[in-house]
N, C-alpha and C. Protein backbone atom coordinates (compact mmCIF):
# COMPACT_ATOMS: atom_id res chain seq x y z
N GLY A 1 52.36 192.10 120.33
CA GLY A 1 52.52 191.84 118.92
C GLY A 1 51.62 190.72 118.48
N THR A 2 51.64 190.50 117.22
CA THR A 2 50.84 189.42 116.65
C THR A 2 51.75 188.48 115.87
N VAL A 3 51.25 187.28 115.70
CA VAL A 3 51.98 186.28 114.92
C VAL A 3 51.04 185.76 113.83
N PRO A 4 51.59 185.20 112.78
CA PRO A 4 50.73 184.63 111.74
C PRO A 4 49.82 183.54 112.31
N ALA A 5 48.61 183.47 111.80
CA ALA A 5 47.63 182.50 112.30
C ALA A 5 48.13 181.07 112.21
N GLU A 6 48.94 180.76 111.19
CA GLU A 6 49.44 179.40 111.02
C GLU A 6 50.32 178.98 112.21
N TRP A 7 50.97 179.96 112.85
CA TRP A 7 51.87 179.66 113.97
C TRP A 7 51.11 179.28 115.23
N THR A 8 49.83 179.60 115.29
CA THR A 8 49.04 179.33 116.50
C THR A 8 48.31 178.00 116.42
N LYS A 9 48.43 177.32 115.31
CA LYS A 9 47.73 176.05 115.12
C LYS A 9 48.70 174.89 115.23
N SER A 10 48.18 173.75 115.67
CA SER A 10 48.99 172.55 115.71
C SER A 10 48.14 171.37 115.24
N LEU A 11 48.82 170.35 114.81
CA LEU A 11 48.16 169.12 114.37
C LEU A 11 48.47 168.06 115.42
N ILE A 12 47.42 167.49 116.00
CA ILE A 12 47.63 166.45 117.01
C ILE A 12 47.51 165.09 116.32
N HIS A 13 48.59 164.34 116.40
CA HIS A 13 48.67 163.03 115.76
C HIS A 13 48.63 161.96 116.85
N PRO A 14 47.65 161.04 116.82
CA PRO A 14 47.57 160.01 117.85
C PRO A 14 48.61 158.91 117.63
N ILE A 15 49.31 158.54 118.70
CA ILE A 15 50.30 157.46 118.66
C ILE A 15 49.81 156.35 119.59
N PHE A 16 49.72 155.14 119.07
CA PHE A 16 49.27 154.00 119.87
C PHE A 16 50.30 153.68 120.94
N LYS A 17 49.85 153.54 122.19
CA LYS A 17 50.75 153.25 123.31
C LYS A 17 51.25 151.81 123.23
N PRO A 18 52.56 151.61 123.35
CA PRO A 18 53.10 150.25 123.35
C PRO A 18 52.53 149.45 124.52
N GLY A 19 52.23 148.20 124.28
CA GLY A 19 51.71 147.34 125.32
C GLY A 19 50.20 147.41 125.49
N SER A 20 49.55 148.32 124.78
CA SER A 20 48.09 148.41 124.84
C SER A 20 47.50 147.35 123.94
N ASP A 21 46.29 146.90 124.30
CA ASP A 21 45.68 145.80 123.56
C ASP A 21 44.73 146.25 122.45
N ASP A 22 43.83 147.14 122.78
CA ASP A 22 42.72 147.46 121.89
C ASP A 22 42.95 148.80 121.18
N LYS A 23 43.06 148.76 119.86
CA LYS A 23 43.27 149.99 119.08
C LYS A 23 41.99 150.81 118.94
N LEU A 24 40.86 150.28 119.40
CA LEU A 24 39.60 151.01 119.32
C LEU A 24 39.34 151.87 120.56
N VAL A 25 40.17 151.72 121.59
CA VAL A 25 39.99 152.47 122.83
C VAL A 25 40.84 153.75 122.77
N PRO A 26 40.21 154.92 122.80
CA PRO A 26 40.95 156.18 122.68
C PRO A 26 42.02 156.39 123.75
N SER A 27 41.81 155.87 124.96
CA SER A 27 42.80 156.07 126.03
C SER A 27 44.07 155.26 125.80
N ASN A 28 44.09 154.41 124.79
CA ASN A 28 45.29 153.65 124.45
C ASN A 28 46.20 154.43 123.49
N TYR A 29 45.90 155.70 123.30
CA TYR A 29 46.69 156.56 122.42
C TYR A 29 47.20 157.76 123.21
N ARG A 30 48.31 158.30 122.77
CA ARG A 30 48.79 159.57 123.30
C ARG A 30 48.94 160.52 122.12
N GLY A 31 48.70 161.77 122.37
CA GLY A 31 48.76 162.75 121.29
C GLY A 31 50.13 163.39 121.17
N ILE A 32 50.59 163.52 119.95
CA ILE A 32 51.82 164.24 119.65
C ILE A 32 51.39 165.50 118.89
N SER A 33 51.78 166.64 119.41
CA SER A 33 51.40 167.90 118.79
C SER A 33 52.49 168.37 117.84
N LEU A 34 52.13 168.56 116.59
CA LEU A 34 53.07 169.03 115.58
C LEU A 34 52.76 170.50 115.30
N ILE A 35 53.78 171.35 115.50
CA ILE A 35 53.58 172.78 115.27
C ILE A 35 54.45 173.24 114.11
N SER A 36 54.23 174.45 113.70
CA SER A 36 54.96 175.04 112.59
C SER A 36 56.46 175.09 112.88
N VAL A 37 57.26 174.60 111.95
CA VAL A 37 58.71 174.64 112.10
C VAL A 37 59.19 176.09 112.15
N THR A 38 58.59 176.94 111.35
CA THR A 38 58.96 178.35 111.34
C THR A 38 58.75 178.98 112.71
N SER A 39 57.62 178.66 113.36
CA SER A 39 57.35 179.24 114.68
C SER A 39 58.32 178.69 115.72
N LYS A 40 58.70 177.42 115.61
CA LYS A 40 59.67 176.85 116.55
C LYS A 40 61.02 177.54 116.42
N ILE A 41 61.46 177.76 115.19
CA ILE A 41 62.75 178.43 114.96
C ILE A 41 62.69 179.87 115.48
N TYR A 42 61.61 180.58 115.17
CA TYR A 42 61.46 181.96 115.62
C TYR A 42 61.47 182.03 117.15
N CYS A 43 60.72 181.15 117.80
CA CYS A 43 60.67 181.15 119.27
C CYS A 43 62.03 180.83 119.87
N HIS A 44 62.77 179.92 119.26
CA HIS A 44 64.11 179.57 119.74
C HIS A 44 65.05 180.78 119.64
N ILE A 45 65.01 181.46 118.51
CA ILE A 45 65.87 182.64 118.32
C ILE A 45 65.48 183.74 119.31
N LEU A 46 64.19 184.00 119.44
CA LEU A 46 63.72 185.04 120.36
C LEU A 46 64.10 184.71 121.80
N ASN A 47 63.90 183.47 122.20
CA ASN A 47 64.24 183.04 123.56
C ASN A 47 65.74 183.19 123.82
N SER A 48 66.55 182.81 122.85
CA SER A 48 68.01 182.95 122.99
C SER A 48 68.41 184.40 123.16
N ARG A 49 67.83 185.28 122.37
CA ARG A 49 68.17 186.71 122.44
C ARG A 49 67.73 187.33 123.76
N VAL A 50 66.52 186.99 124.20
CA VAL A 50 66.02 187.54 125.46
C VAL A 50 66.88 187.04 126.63
N ASN A 51 67.19 185.74 126.65
CA ASN A 51 68.01 185.20 127.73
C ASN A 51 69.41 185.81 127.72
N LYS A 52 69.97 186.03 126.54
CA LYS A 52 71.29 186.65 126.45
C LYS A 52 71.24 188.07 127.02
N TRP A 53 70.22 188.83 126.64
CA TRP A 53 70.08 190.20 127.13
C TRP A 53 69.90 190.22 128.65
N LEU A 54 69.06 189.33 129.16
CA LEU A 54 68.83 189.26 130.60
C LEU A 54 70.12 188.93 131.34
N GLY A 55 70.91 188.02 130.79
CA GLY A 55 72.18 187.66 131.41
C GLY A 55 73.18 188.79 131.38
N GLN A 56 73.28 189.49 130.26
CA GLN A 56 74.24 190.59 130.13
C GLN A 56 73.88 191.78 131.02
N ASN A 57 72.61 191.94 131.31
CA ASN A 57 72.16 193.07 132.11
C ASN A 57 71.85 192.70 133.56
N ASN A 58 72.29 191.52 133.96
CA ASN A 58 72.07 191.03 135.33
C ASN A 58 70.63 191.23 135.78
N SER A 59 69.70 190.84 134.92
CA SER A 59 68.28 191.05 135.19
C SER A 59 67.60 189.86 135.84
N LEU A 60 68.35 188.78 136.06
CA LEU A 60 67.77 187.60 136.68
C LEU A 60 68.42 187.36 138.04
N SER A 61 67.60 186.95 138.98
CA SER A 61 68.09 186.59 140.30
C SER A 61 68.85 185.27 140.22
N ASP A 62 69.77 185.06 141.14
CA ASP A 62 70.48 183.78 141.20
C ASP A 62 69.53 182.62 141.49
N PHE A 63 68.36 182.93 142.03
CA PHE A 63 67.39 181.90 142.34
C PHE A 63 66.57 181.48 141.12
N GLN A 64 66.70 182.19 140.02
CA GLN A 64 65.98 181.87 138.79
C GLN A 64 66.93 181.18 137.83
N ASN A 65 67.28 179.93 138.11
CA ASN A 65 68.28 179.30 137.27
C ASN A 65 67.88 177.94 136.72
N SER A 66 66.76 177.39 137.12
CA SER A 66 66.45 176.03 136.68
C SER A 66 66.16 175.96 135.18
N PHE A 67 65.80 177.07 134.55
CA PHE A 67 65.52 177.06 133.11
C PHE A 67 66.67 177.61 132.29
N ARG A 68 67.74 178.04 132.96
CA ARG A 68 68.86 178.66 132.26
C ARG A 68 69.93 177.64 131.93
N LYS A 69 70.57 177.84 130.79
CA LYS A 69 71.60 176.93 130.31
C LYS A 69 72.80 176.93 131.25
N ASN A 70 73.35 175.75 131.49
CA ASN A 70 74.54 175.54 132.32
C ASN A 70 74.35 175.88 133.79
N LEU A 71 73.13 176.06 134.22
CA LEU A 71 72.83 176.25 135.64
C LEU A 71 71.88 175.13 136.06
N PHE A 72 72.09 174.59 137.21
CA PHE A 72 71.39 173.36 137.57
C PHE A 72 70.51 173.56 138.80
N ARG A 73 69.55 172.68 138.94
CA ARG A 73 68.67 172.72 140.10
C ARG A 73 69.43 172.45 141.39
N ALA A 74 70.54 171.75 141.29
CA ALA A 74 71.33 171.47 142.49
C ALA A 74 71.77 172.78 143.15
N VAL A 75 72.10 173.77 142.34
CA VAL A 75 72.49 175.07 142.88
C VAL A 75 71.32 175.69 143.64
N GLN A 76 70.14 175.58 143.08
CA GLN A 76 68.95 176.11 143.74
C GLN A 76 68.71 175.38 145.05
N THR A 77 68.93 174.09 145.07
CA THR A 77 68.75 173.30 146.29
C THR A 77 69.72 173.76 147.37
N ILE A 78 70.96 174.02 146.99
CA ILE A 78 71.95 174.50 147.95
C ILE A 78 71.53 175.85 148.51
N TYR A 79 71.06 176.76 147.66
CA TYR A 79 70.57 178.06 148.13
C TYR A 79 69.42 177.87 149.12
N PHE A 80 68.50 177.01 148.76
CA PHE A 80 67.33 176.78 149.61
C PHE A 80 67.76 176.25 150.98
N ARG A 81 68.66 175.29 150.98
CA ARG A 81 69.13 174.72 152.26
C ARG A 81 69.85 175.78 153.08
N TYR A 82 70.61 176.62 152.41
CA TYR A 82 71.36 177.67 153.11
C TYR A 82 70.43 178.66 153.79
N ILE A 83 69.39 179.09 153.09
CA ILE A 83 68.51 180.11 153.66
C ILE A 83 67.52 179.53 154.67
N THR A 84 67.33 178.21 154.68
CA THR A 84 66.38 177.62 155.62
C THR A 84 67.04 177.05 156.86
N LEU A 85 68.36 177.06 156.91
CA LEU A 85 69.05 176.54 158.12
C LEU A 85 69.15 177.57 159.19
């Protein structure tokens, strides 16, 4: 599919790093990327729907849990220790 061109663009705003001395040195800044609010909302809704569908259809392995809500990396660590002992 395609998305509106505005959704693919971002504005990088430089933020001066605390504790830095010289405002003329570019490495004393970090960039904050500002993206379209509409695209963020759309991506959040789409991600929620896809994850819900994957969960309802048992389409994810128990080992794929570090990015899923209410599942923790500790569980993955326990699985890893179990299979490597």
